[in-house]
C-alpha atoms as a PDB file:
ATOM      1  CA  MET A   1       0.840 -16.756 -13.844  1.00  0.00           C
ATOM      2  CA  ALA A   2      -0.834 -13.489 -12.939  1.00  0.00           C
ATOM      3  CA  VAL A   3       0.038 -10.136 -14.440  1.00  0.00           C
ATOM      4  CA  ARG A   4      -0.891  -6.565 -13.622  1.00  0.00           C
ATOM      5  CA  ILE A   5      -1.652  -3.997 -16.316  1.00  0.00           C
ATOM      6  CA  TYR A   6      -1.376  -0.351 -15.325  1.00  0.00           C
ATOM      7  CA  ARG A   7      -0.433   3.096 -16.532  1.00  0.00           C
ATOM      8  CA  PRO A   8       2.434   4.561 -14.475  1.00  0.00           C
ATOM      9  CA  ALA A   9       1.767   7.692 -12.495  1.00  0.00           C
ATOM     10  CA  ARG A  10       3.538  10.970 -13.069  1.00  0.00           C
ATOM     11  CA  ASN A  11       6.733  11.476 -11.117  1.00  0.00           C
ATOM     12  CA  ALA A  12       5.885  13.481  -7.998  1.00  0.00           C
ATOM     13  CA  MET A  13       9.250  15.245  -7.996  1.00  0.00           C
ATOM     14  CA  GLN A  14       8.872  16.746 -11.468  1.00  0.00           C
ATOM     15  CA  SER A  15       6.119  18.504 -13.336  1.00  0.00           C
ATOM     16  CA  GLY A  16       6.668  16.667 -16.619  1.00  0.00           C
ATOM     17  CA  LYS A  17       4.536  13.829 -17.924  1.00  0.00           C
ATOM     18  CA  GLY A  18       7.296  11.788 -19.541  1.00  0.00           C
ATOM     19  CA  LYS A  19       7.012   7.990 -19.560  1.00  0.00           C
ATOM     20  CA  THR A  20       3.342   8.080 -18.565  1.00  0.00           C
ATOM     21  CA  ALA A  21       1.742   7.458 -21.972  1.00  0.00           C
ATOM     22  CA  ALA A  22       2.528   3.732 -22.208  1.00  0.00           C
ATOM     23  CA  TRP A  23       0.688   0.923 -20.448  1.00  0.00           C
ATOM     24  CA  ILE A  24       2.876  -1.505 -18.487  1.00  0.00           C
ATOM     25  CA  LEU A  25       2.311  -5.256 -18.155  1.00  0.00           C
ATOM     26  CA  GLU A  26       4.147  -6.528 -15.088  1.00  0.00           C
ATOM     27  CA  PHE A  27       4.334 -10.081 -13.765  1.00  0.00           C
ATOM     28  CA  GLU A  28       3.392 -10.604 -10.138  1.00  0.00           C
ATOM     29  CA  ALA A  29       5.711 -12.522  -7.829  1.00  0.00           C
ATOM     30  CA  ALA A  30       5.190 -16.283  -8.004  1.00  0.00           C
ATOM     31  CA  ALA A  31       7.739 -17.117  -5.314  1.00  0.00           C
ATOM     32  CA  PRO A  32       8.742 -15.132  -2.257  1.00  0.00           C
ATOM     33  CA  ARG A  33      12.120 -13.456  -2.113  1.00  0.00           C
ATOM     34  CA  THR A  34      14.760 -15.028   0.071  1.00  0.00           C
ATOM     35  CA  ILE A  35      17.852 -13.668   1.775  1.00  0.00           C
ATOM     36  CA  ASP A  36      21.178 -15.154   0.742  1.00  0.00           C
ATOM     37  CA  PRO A  37      22.833 -16.564   3.887  1.00  0.00           C
ATOM     38  CA  LEU A  38      26.382 -15.693   2.803  1.00  0.00           C
ATOM     39  CA  MET A  39      26.066 -12.151   1.435  1.00  0.00           C
ATOM     40  CA  GLY A  40      22.688 -11.097   2.834  1.00  0.00           C
ATOM     41  CA  TRP A  41      21.365 -10.046  -0.571  1.00  0.00           C
ATOM     42  CA  THR A  42      17.719 -10.460  -1.428  1.00  0.00           C
ATOM     43  CA  SER A  43      17.135 -12.851  -4.313  1.00  0.00           C
ATOM     44  CA  SER A  44      14.391 -14.804  -5.997  1.00  0.00           C
ATOM     45  CA  ALA A  45      14.173 -17.847  -8.240  1.00  0.00           C
ATOM     46  CA  ASP A  46      11.399 -16.214 -10.271  1.00  0.00           C
ATOM     47  CA  THR A  47      13.002 -14.282 -13.148  1.00  0.00           C
ATOM     48  CA  ARG A  48       9.681 -12.998 -14.497  1.00  0.00           C
ATOM     49  CA  GLN A  49       9.629 -10.397 -11.714  1.00  0.00           C
ATOM     50  CA  GLN A  50      12.306  -8.502 -13.636  1.00  0.00           C
ATOM     51  CA  LEU A  51      10.222  -8.312 -16.814  1.00  0.00           C
ATOM     52  CA  LYS A  52       8.080  -5.274 -17.692  1.00  0.00           C
ATOM     53  CA  LEU A  53       6.433  -5.018 -21.089  1.00  0.00           C
ATOM     54  CA  SER A  54       5.163  -1.680 -22.387  1.00  0.00           C
ATOM     55  CA  PHE A  55       2.267  -1.193 -24.796  1.00  0.00           C
ATOM     56  CA  ASP A  56       0.835   1.864 -26.536  1.00  0.00           C
ATOM     57  CA  SER A  57      -2.733   1.174 -25.393  1.00  0.00           C
ATOM     58  CA  ARG A  58      -4.599  -0.737 -22.720  1.00  0.00           C
ATOM     59  CA  GLU A  59      -6.316  -2.879 -25.348  1.00  0.00           C
ATOM     60  CA  GLU A  60      -2.971  -4.065 -26.728  1.00  0.00           C
ATOM     61  CA  ALA A  61      -1.802  -5.115 -23.262  1.00  0.00           C
ATOM     62  CA  VAL A  62      -5.055  -6.976 -22.559  1.00  0.00           C
ATOM     63  CA  ALA A  63      -4.916  -8.688 -25.964  1.00  0.00           C
ATOM     64  CA  TYR A  64      -1.346  -9.835 -25.265  1.00  0.00           C
ATOM     65  CA  ALA A  65      -2.311 -11.248 -21.867  1.00  0.00           C
ATOM     66  CA  GLU A  66      -5.283 -13.114 -23.351  1.00  0.00           C
ATOM     67  CA  ARG A  67      -3.183 -14.426 -26.253  1.00  0.00           C
ATOM     68  CA  GLN A  68      -0.588 -15.782 -23.807  1.00  0.00           C
ATOM     69  CA  GLY A  69      -3.244 -17.238 -21.476  1.00  0.00           C
ATOM     70  CA  LEU A  70      -2.260 -15.026 -18.538  1.00  0.00           C
ATOM     71  CA  ALA A  71      -4.640 -14.064 -15.757  1.00  0.00           C
ATOM     72  CA  TYR A  72      -4.594 -10.290 -15.623  1.00  0.00           C
ATOM     73  CA  THR A  73      -5.910  -7.403 -13.567  1.00  0.00           C
ATOM     74  CA  VAL A  74      -6.175  -3.889 -14.954  1.00  0.00           C
ATOM     75  CA  ALA A  75      -5.530  -1.086 -12.494  1.00  0.00           C
ATOM     76  CA  PRO A  76      -7.677   2.006 -13.054  1.00  0.00           C
ATOM     77  CA  GLU A  77      -5.956   5.130 -14.280  1.00  0.00           C
ATOM     78  CA  ALA A  78      -5.034   7.642 -11.634  1.00  0.00           C
ATOM     79  CA  PRO A  79      -6.918  10.920 -11.979  1.00  0.00           C
ATOM     80  CA  VAL A  80      -4.811  13.706 -13.430  1.00  0.00           C
ATOM     81  CA  ARG A  81      -4.883  16.931 -11.472  1.00  0.00           C
ATOM     82  CA  SER A  82      -3.758  19.900 -13.432  1.00  0.00           C
ATOM     83  CA  GLN A  83      -2.598  23.022 -11.710  1.00  0.00           C
ATOM     84  CA  HIS A  84      -2.472  25.889 -14.146  1.00  0.00           C
ATOM     85  CA  LYS A  85      -0.877  28.311 -11.783  1.00  0.00           C
ATOM     86  CA  SER A  86       2.136  30.490 -12.266  1.00  0.00           C
ATOM     87  CA  TYR A  87       4.774  31.321  -9.705  1.00  0.00           C
ATOM     88  CA  SER A  88       3.581  34.919  -9.519  1.00  0.00           C
ATOM     89  CA  ASP A  89       0.172  33.723  -8.279  1.00  0.00           C
ATOM     90  CA  ASN A  90       1.839  32.979  -4.933  1.00  0.00           C
ATOM     91  CA  PHE A  91       2.335  36.714  -4.371  1.00  0.00           C
ATOM     92  CA  LYS A  92      -0.735  38.291  -5.985  1.00  0.00           C
ATOM     93  CA  TRP A  93      -3.052  40.588  -4.066  1.00  0.00           C
ATOM     94  CA  GLY A  94      -6.411  39.225  -2.996  1.00  0.00           C
ATOM     95  CA  ARG A  95      -5.572  35.580  -2.388  1.00  0.00           C
ATOM     96  CA  PRO A  96      -7.162  33.944   0.687  1.00  0.00           C
ATOM     97  CA  ASP A  97      -3.950  34.329   2.690  1.00  0.00           C
ATOM     98  CA  ASN A  98      -2.095  37.427   1.507  1.00  0.00           C
ATOM     99  CA  TRP A  99       1.680  37.202   1.408  1.00  0.00           C
ATOM    100  CA  THR A 100       3.357  38.911   4.338  1.00  0.00           C
ATOM    101  CA  HIS A 101       6.860  38.927   5.698  1.00  0.00           C
END
């Protein structure tokens, strides 16, 4: 069974960094999803797809995967871009494109 270890990215709709400190161990799909003929819902016989384990550090997640004998891949961390800019900077004099109405 293969697992993927990654650190979740920051939510693009908010400026906060909540829920991005933990590392997530997620099982990859072992069986394809199927469509139920009666209701049309998507389902799968693999219940490990629903499981996500969180760890405080990357090393803890890797140690868990090795202890359980799981093949794992570690996704690199996404680069963090910080924009230290205030709202008033949009209207200041001397920017490349001055604000006009």
